[in-house]
Amino acid sequence: MSAPAQSRIPTPGDLARRQTGIASPTAEPAPSPAAPETQAPEPQAPPAEEARPVCHRPMYEPRPLTAEEAIAPGVLMDTEFFRTVFRYCLTRSGLPPHARLIAHELLARANDKNGRLGPKQPFLDQLAHATGLTEAQTGVALQVLYTRGWIAYRPACPDDRQPLYDLVIPALELERARGRRYLHQEP
């Protein structure tokens, strides 16, 4: 009597050969059909998993906006958080790199829920020092953020050196971001 042959564990190469139909050089020869009673019965494959029902979400259609509405501050839904949506929109926007850098620095100092900068918001020289830009580059970046609708100025006290500002998400960028997120979301 001989010892039963040990079956070997298939490798990824064996699995690839099975799919392409190439015989493995180390594979055991196929048993002859003459001796079916000496073979052990093959284990049954587990039943195929039932496909999960697919819930189709309606496609998000960004609303058409006029030029004034496009740069106006967008309104967040109850399920959206300002910080995450602002960062998502900012990284996908067409803003110049210096403006994005300043916006990220301001976002780090802003309120998480509404984007308001506190009473100790940074001055131009503090922003320039924090980002490594010159004061002129920082001023230009702030102006770009304002003209494209990413910053809203608040009236300041007459004795303040600079006006107060808040971070906002332009309605156009918010609509674009919602469209992108809903297109790529899994059901």
Protein backbone atom coordinates (compact mmCIF):
# COMPACT_ATOMS: atom_id res chain seq x y z
CA MET A 1 0.00 0.00 0.00
CA SER A 2 1.21 3.42 -0.78
CA ALA A 3 0.58 6.59 1.16
CA PRO A 4 -2.07 8.88 -0.26
CA ALA A 5 -0.63 11.71 -2.31
CA GLN A 6 -0.80 15.08 -0.67
CA SER A 7 -2.58 17.68 -2.67
CA ARG A 8 -0.67 20.89 -3.01
CA ILE A 9 -2.02 24.35 -2.49
CA PRO A 10 -2.55 26.17 -5.79
CA THR A 11 -0.51 29.29 -6.41
CA PRO A 12 -1.70 32.42 -8.16
CA GLY A 13 0.17 31.22 -11.25
CA ASP A 14 -1.85 27.99 -11.25
CA LEU A 15 -5.07 29.96 -11.05
CA ALA A 16 -3.97 32.15 -13.96
CA ARG A 17 -3.10 29.06 -16.00
CA ARG A 18 -6.52 27.59 -15.33
CA GLN A 19 -8.18 30.70 -16.67
CA THR A 20 -6.04 30.79 -19.81
CA GLY A 21 -6.08 27.03 -20.38
CA ILE A 22 -2.30 26.51 -20.16
CA ALA A 23 -1.24 23.32 -18.39
CA SER A 24 1.01 23.73 -15.36
CA PRO A 25 4.37 21.97 -15.65
CA THR A 26 4.17 20.84 -12.02
CA ALA A 27 0.49 20.04 -12.08
CA GLU A 28 -0.52 16.49 -11.37
CA PRO A 29 -1.64 14.57 -14.41
CA ALA A 30 -5.35 14.40 -14.95
CA PRO A 31 -6.83 11.15 -13.62
CA SER A 32 -7.89 8.65 -16.20
CA PRO A 33 -11.63 8.18 -16.60
CA ALA A 34 -11.23 4.40 -16.19
CA ALA A 35 -10.99 4.49 -12.39
CA PRO A 36 -13.82 6.70 -11.10
CA GLU A 37 -14.45 4.62 -7.96
CA THR A 38 -10.92 5.15 -6.59
CA GLN A 39 -11.20 8.92 -6.66
CA ALA A 40 -12.50 10.88 -3.73
CA PRO A 41 -15.64 12.83 -4.54
CA GLU A 42 -14.93 16.46 -5.36
CA PRO A 43 -16.23 18.93 -2.80
CA GLN A 44 -19.21 20.93 -3.92
CA ALA A 45 -18.54 24.59 -4.65
CA PRO A 46 -20.34 26.98 -2.34
CA PRO A 47 -23.45 28.47 -3.89
CA ALA A 48 -22.86 31.70 -5.73
CA GLU A 49 -23.63 34.79 -3.72
CA GLU A 50 -26.84 36.44 -4.65
CA ALA A 51 -26.32 39.79 -6.23
CA ARG A 52 -27.14 42.68 -3.95
CA PRO A 53 -30.05 44.75 -5.13
CA VAL A 54 -28.74 47.91 -6.72
CA CYS A 55 -30.31 51.12 -5.53
CA HIS A 56 -30.05 53.66 -8.29
CA ARG A 57 -29.71 57.18 -7.05
CA PRO A 58 -31.06 59.87 -9.24
CA MET A 59 -28.33 61.73 -11.07
CA TYR A 60 -27.60 65.11 -9.58
CA GLU A 61 -28.21 67.80 -12.11
CA PRO A 62 -26.41 71.05 -11.25
CA ARG A 63 -28.78 73.94 -11.59
CA PRO A 64 -27.99 76.61 -14.17
CA LEU A 65 -26.72 79.74 -12.44
CA THR A 66 -26.38 83.32 -13.57
CA ALA A 67 -23.07 85.13 -13.14
CA GLU A 68 -24.25 86.83 -9.94
CA GLU A 69 -25.56 83.58 -8.49
CA ALA A 70 -22.36 81.73 -9.41
CA ILE A 71 -20.10 83.79 -7.15
CA ALA A 72 -22.70 84.25 -4.41
CA PRO A 73 -22.12 82.13 -1.30
CA GLY A 74 -23.58 78.66 -1.65
CA VAL A 75 -25.92 77.21 0.95
CA LEU A 76 -24.88 73.90 2.48
CA MET A 77 -27.35 71.09 3.10
CA ASP A 78 -27.84 69.63 6.57
CA THR A 79 -25.68 66.61 5.69
CA GLU A 80 -22.70 68.70 4.49
CA PHE A 81 -19.96 70.00 6.76
CA PHE A 82 -18.30 73.28 5.88
CA ARG A 83 -14.68 72.23 6.38
CA THR A 84 -14.85 69.06 4.29
CA VAL A 85 -16.92 70.59 1.50
CA PHE A 86 -14.72 73.71 1.40
CA ARG A 87 -11.55 71.64 1.14
CA TYR A 88 -13.12 69.38 -1.50
CA CYS A 89 -14.24 72.34 -3.61
CA LEU A 90 -10.98 74.24 -3.11
CA THR A 91 -8.72 71.42 -4.26
CA ARG A 92 -10.79 70.92 -7.40
CA SER A 93 -11.17 74.59 -8.24
CA GLY A 94 -9.19 76.42 -10.86
CA LEU A 95 -7.66 78.87 -8.39
CA PRO A 96 -3.98 79.77 -8.66
CA PRO A 97 -1.68 77.91 -6.23
CA HIS A 98 -0.98 80.95 -4.04
CA ALA A 99 -4.69 81.62 -3.60
CA ARG A 100 -5.31 77.98 -2.66
CA LEU A 101 -2.44 78.12 -0.17
CA ILE A 102 -3.87 81.22 1.50
CA ALA A 103 -7.34 79.66 1.54
CA HIS A 104 -6.00 76.51 3.22
CA GLU A 105 -4.20 78.64 5.82
CA LEU A 106 -7.39 80.59 6.50
CA LEU A 107 -9.38 77.35 6.69
CA ALA A 108 -7.04 76.10 9.41
CA ARG A 109 -7.91 79.19 11.45
CA ALA A 110 -11.64 79.30 10.65
CA ASN A 111 -14.62 77.86 12.47
CA ASP A 112 -15.32 74.29 11.33
CA LYS A 113 -19.06 74.73 11.01
CA ASN A 114 -19.49 78.07 9.28
CA GLY A 115 -16.10 79.28 8.03
CA ARG A 116 -16.04 82.44 10.11
CA LEU A 117 -12.70 83.71 11.22
CA GLY A 118 -12.64 84.82 14.82
CA PRO A 119 -11.79 88.25 16.11
CA LYS A 120 -8.10 87.32 16.05
CA GLN A 121 -7.95 86.72 12.33
CA PRO A 122 -4.46 87.01 10.83
CA PHE A 123 -3.18 90.24 9.35
CA LEU A 124 -1.56 90.33 5.95
CA ASP A 125 1.97 90.10 7.35
CA GLN A 126 1.01 87.14 9.58
CA LEU A 127 -0.48 85.29 6.61
CA ALA A 128 2.63 86.02 4.56
CA HIS A 129 4.88 84.70 7.33
CA ALA A 130 2.74 81.57 7.86
CA THR A 131 2.70 80.64 4.16
CA GLY A 132 6.18 81.78 3.13
CA LEU A 133 4.83 84.21 0.56
CA THR A 134 5.60 87.90 0.34
CA GLU A 135 3.04 90.41 1.53
CA ALA A 136 2.38 91.45 -2.06
CA GLN A 137 1.72 87.84 -3.12
CA THR A 138 -0.54 87.37 -0.11
CA GLY A 139 -2.50 90.52 -0.95
CA VAL A 140 -2.95 89.43 -4.56
CA ALA A 141 -4.06 85.95 -3.42
CA LEU A 142 -6.63 87.49 -1.05
CA GLN A 143 -7.90 89.69 -3.88
CA VAL A 144 -8.22 86.64 -6.17
CA LEU A 145 -10.14 84.78 -3.47
CA TYR A 146 -12.47 87.76 -3.04
CA THR A 147 -13.14 88.32 -6.75
CA ARG A 148 -13.85 84.63 -7.32
CA GLY A 149 -16.24 84.45 -4.38
CA TRP A 150 -14.24 82.43 -1.83
CA ILE A 151 -14.02 85.26 0.74
CA ALA A 152 -16.79 87.55 1.97
CA TYR A 153 -15.81 90.76 3.73
CA ARG A 154 -17.62 91.88 6.84
CA PRO A 155 -17.77 95.48 7.93
CA ALA A 156 -15.08 96.24 10.47
CA CYS A 157 -14.78 98.82 13.19
CA PRO A 158 -13.32 102.12 11.95
CA ASP A 159 -10.19 101.68 14.07
CA ASP A 160 -9.29 98.25 12.64
CA ARG A 161 -6.31 97.89 10.32
CA GLN A 162 -8.14 95.60 7.92
CA PRO A 163 -11.69 94.42 7.24
CA LEU A 164 -12.89 91.13 8.67
CA TYR A 165 -13.58 88.29 6.29
CA ASP A 166 -15.25 84.90 6.25
CA LEU A 167 -14.63 81.88 4.09
CA VAL A 168 -17.52 80.95 1.80
CA ILE A 169 -18.02 78.44 -0.99
CA PRO A 170 -19.22 79.97 -4.27
CA ALA A 171 -22.53 78.50 -5.39
CA LEU A 172 -21.06 77.41 -8.73
CA GLU A 173 -18.27 75.41 -7.07
CA LEU A 174 -20.73 73.92 -4.61
CA GLU A 175 -23.02 72.78 -7.43
CA ARG A 176 -20.07 71.26 -9.31
CA ALA A 177 -18.86 69.46 -6.19
CA ARG A 178 -22.28 68.03 -5.47
CA GLY A 179 -22.51 66.74 -9.02
CA ARG A 180 -19.08 65.09 -8.80
CA ARG A 181 -19.75 63.52 -5.40
CA TYR A 182 -23.10 62.05 -6.36
CA LEU A 183 -21.73 60.68 -9.63
CA HIS A 184 -18.93 58.81 -7.86
CA GLN A 185 -20.82 57.65 -4.80
CA GLU A 186 -21.54 53.97 -4.33
CA PRO A 187 -25.18 53.03 -3.73
